[in-house]
C-alpha atoms as a PDB file:
ATOM      1  CA  MET A   1      59.059  66.376  60.651  1.00  0.00           C
ATOM      2  CA  ASN A   2      56.804  67.532  63.465  1.00  0.00           C
ATOM      3  CA  HIS A   3      54.783  65.348  65.852  1.00  0.00           C
ATOM      4  CA  GLU A   4      51.561  65.653  63.824  1.00  0.00           C
ATOM      5  CA  GLU A   5      53.263  64.667  60.570  1.00  0.00           C
ATOM      6  CA  THR A   6      54.917  61.698  62.267  1.00  0.00           C
ATOM      7  CA  TYR A   7      51.572  60.586  63.712  1.00  0.00           C
ATOM      8  CA  ASN A   8      49.810  60.976  60.351  1.00  0.00           C
ATOM      9  CA  GLN A   9      52.491  58.992  58.546  1.00  0.00           C
ATOM     10  CA  ALA A  10      52.303  56.177  61.116  1.00  0.00           C
ATOM     11  CA  PHE A  11      48.507  56.161  60.912  1.00  0.00           C
ATOM     12  CA  PHE A  12      48.461  55.871  57.115  1.00  0.00           C
ATOM     13  CA  ILE A  13      50.997  53.060  57.239  1.00  0.00           C
ATOM     14  CA  LYS A  14      48.663  51.182  59.616  1.00  0.00           C
ATOM     15  CA  VAL A  15      45.706  51.846  57.313  1.00  0.00           C
ATOM     16  CA  SER A  16      47.638  50.662  54.265  1.00  0.00           C
ATOM     17  CA  ALA A  17      48.772  47.466  55.998  1.00  0.00           C
ATOM     18  CA  ARG A  18      45.199  46.761  57.112  1.00  0.00           C
ATOM     19  CA  ILE A  19      43.810  47.251  53.586  1.00  0.00           C
ATOM     20  CA  LYS A  20      46.388  44.842  52.192  1.00  0.00           C
ATOM     21  CA  GLU A  21      45.843  42.317  54.998  1.00  0.00           C
ATOM     22  CA  LEU A  22      42.075  42.270  54.463  1.00  0.00           C
ATOM     23  CA  ARG A  23      42.380  42.163  50.673  1.00  0.00           C
ATOM     24  CA  ILE A  24      44.582  39.084  50.892  1.00  0.00           C
ATOM     25  CA  ALA A  25      42.291  37.503  53.506  1.00  0.00           C
ATOM     26  CA  LYS A  26      39.381  37.906  51.065  1.00  0.00           C
ATOM     27  CA  GLY A  27      41.321  35.919  48.458  1.00  0.00           C
ATOM     28  CA  TYR A  28      42.719  38.750  46.369  1.00  0.00           C
ATOM     29  CA  SER A  29      46.422  37.961  46.463  1.00  0.00           C
ATOM     30  CA  ASN A  30      46.961  40.447  43.627  1.00  0.00           C
ATOM     31  CA  TYR A  31      45.929  44.060  44.213  1.00  0.00           C
ATOM     32  CA  GLU A  32      45.351  44.481  40.463  1.00  0.00           C
ATOM     33  CA  HIS A  33      42.570  41.869  40.444  1.00  0.00           C
ATOM     34  CA  PHE A  34      40.929  43.547  43.425  1.00  0.00           C
ATOM     35  CA  ALA A  35      41.162  46.969  41.757  1.00  0.00           C
ATOM     36  CA  PHE A  36      39.681  45.699  38.500  1.00  0.00           C
ATOM     37  CA  LYS A  37      36.788  43.844  40.143  1.00  0.00           C
ATOM     38  CA  PHE A  38      35.686  46.820  42.255  1.00  0.00           C
ATOM     39  CA  GLY A  39      36.356  49.687  39.850  1.00  0.00           C
ATOM     40  CA  PHE A  40      39.504  51.178  41.341  1.00  0.00           C
ATOM     41  CA  SER A  41      42.532  52.050  39.274  1.00  0.00           C
ATOM     42  CA  ARG A  42      45.493  49.738  39.864  1.00  0.00           C
ATOM     43  CA  SER A  43      47.748  52.664  40.684  1.00  0.00           C
ATOM     44  CA  GLN A  44      45.203  53.997  43.192  1.00  0.00           C
ATOM     45  CA  ILE A  45      45.142  50.750  45.203  1.00  0.00           C
ATOM     46  CA  ALA A  46      48.929  50.432  44.952  1.00  0.00           C
ATOM     47  CA  ARG A  47      49.363  53.954  46.368  1.00  0.00           C
ATOM     48  CA  TYR A  48      46.959  53.299  49.223  1.00  0.00           C
ATOM     49  CA  GLU A  49      48.703  50.062  50.116  1.00  0.00           C
ATOM     50  CA  LYS A  50      51.973  52.002  50.282  1.00  0.00           C
ATOM     51  CA  GLY A  51      50.574  54.458  52.813  1.00  0.00           C
ATOM     52  CA  GLU A  52      49.346  57.365  50.725  1.00  0.00           C
ATOM     53  CA  ASP A  53      46.636  59.574  52.197  1.00  0.00           C
ATOM     54  CA  LEU A  54      43.164  58.672  50.992  1.00  0.00           C
ATOM     55  CA  ARG A  55      39.767  60.279  51.138  1.00  0.00           C
ATOM     56  CA  LEU A  56      37.214  58.984  53.590  1.00  0.00           C
ATOM     57  CA  SER A  57      34.814  58.234  50.726  1.00  0.00           C
ATOM     58  CA  THR A  58      37.476  56.076  49.098  1.00  0.00           C
ATOM     59  CA  LEU A  59      38.110  54.203  52.325  1.00  0.00           C
ATOM     60  CA  VAL A  60      34.370  53.553  52.608  1.00  0.00           C
ATOM     61  CA  ARG A  61      34.332  52.143  49.043  1.00  0.00           C
ATOM     62  CA  ILE A  62      37.246  49.865  49.938  1.00  0.00           C
ATOM     63  CA  LEU A  63      35.530  48.675  53.128  1.00  0.00           C
ATOM     64  CA  VAL A  64      32.327  47.911  51.206  1.00  0.00           C
ATOM     65  CA  ALA A  65      34.329  45.929  48.626  1.00  0.00           C
ATOM     66  CA  LEU A  66      36.077  44.012  51.417  1.00  0.00           C
ATOM     67  CA  GLU A  67      32.761  43.514  53.252  1.00  0.00           C
ATOM     68  CA  VAL A  68      34.262  44.949  56.437  1.00  0.00           C
ATOM     69  CA  SER A  69      32.667  47.414  58.838  1.00  0.00           C
ATOM     70  CA  PRO A  70      34.606  50.489  59.959  1.00  0.00           C
ATOM     71  CA  LYS A  71      34.558  49.069  63.496  1.00  0.00           C
ATOM     72  CA  GLU A  72      36.139  45.827  62.305  1.00  0.00           C
ATOM     73  CA  PHE A  73      38.644  47.666  60.118  1.00  0.00           C
ATOM     74  CA  PHE A  74      39.877  49.908  62.927  1.00  0.00           C
ATOM     75  CA  LYS A  75      39.849  47.237  65.628  1.00  0.00           C
ATOM     76  CA  GLY A  76      43.147  47.410  67.473  1.00  0.00           C
ATOM     77  CA  PHE A  77      44.124  50.829  66.104  1.00  0.00           C
ATOM     78  CA  ASP A  78      45.530  53.242  68.634  1.00  0.00           C
ATOM     79  CA  LEU A  79      43.709  56.403  67.563  1.00  0.00           C
END
């Protein structure tokens, strides 16, 4: 694995952990309930919370559902 792949993998793991953290903080202890309420497939949210690459438009939909700004979401990220 090259440096770029290692960086990308680490970045997506941070993104996935942040999505899960914010989902739980908003009272959705179960990712399936969150997915159903906001029109995501359960498998889609599960994949994203495991670190799979996601489209920017999907991340924006998730942030809107979580009522979180991009600035708040990425606070503390080492980009």
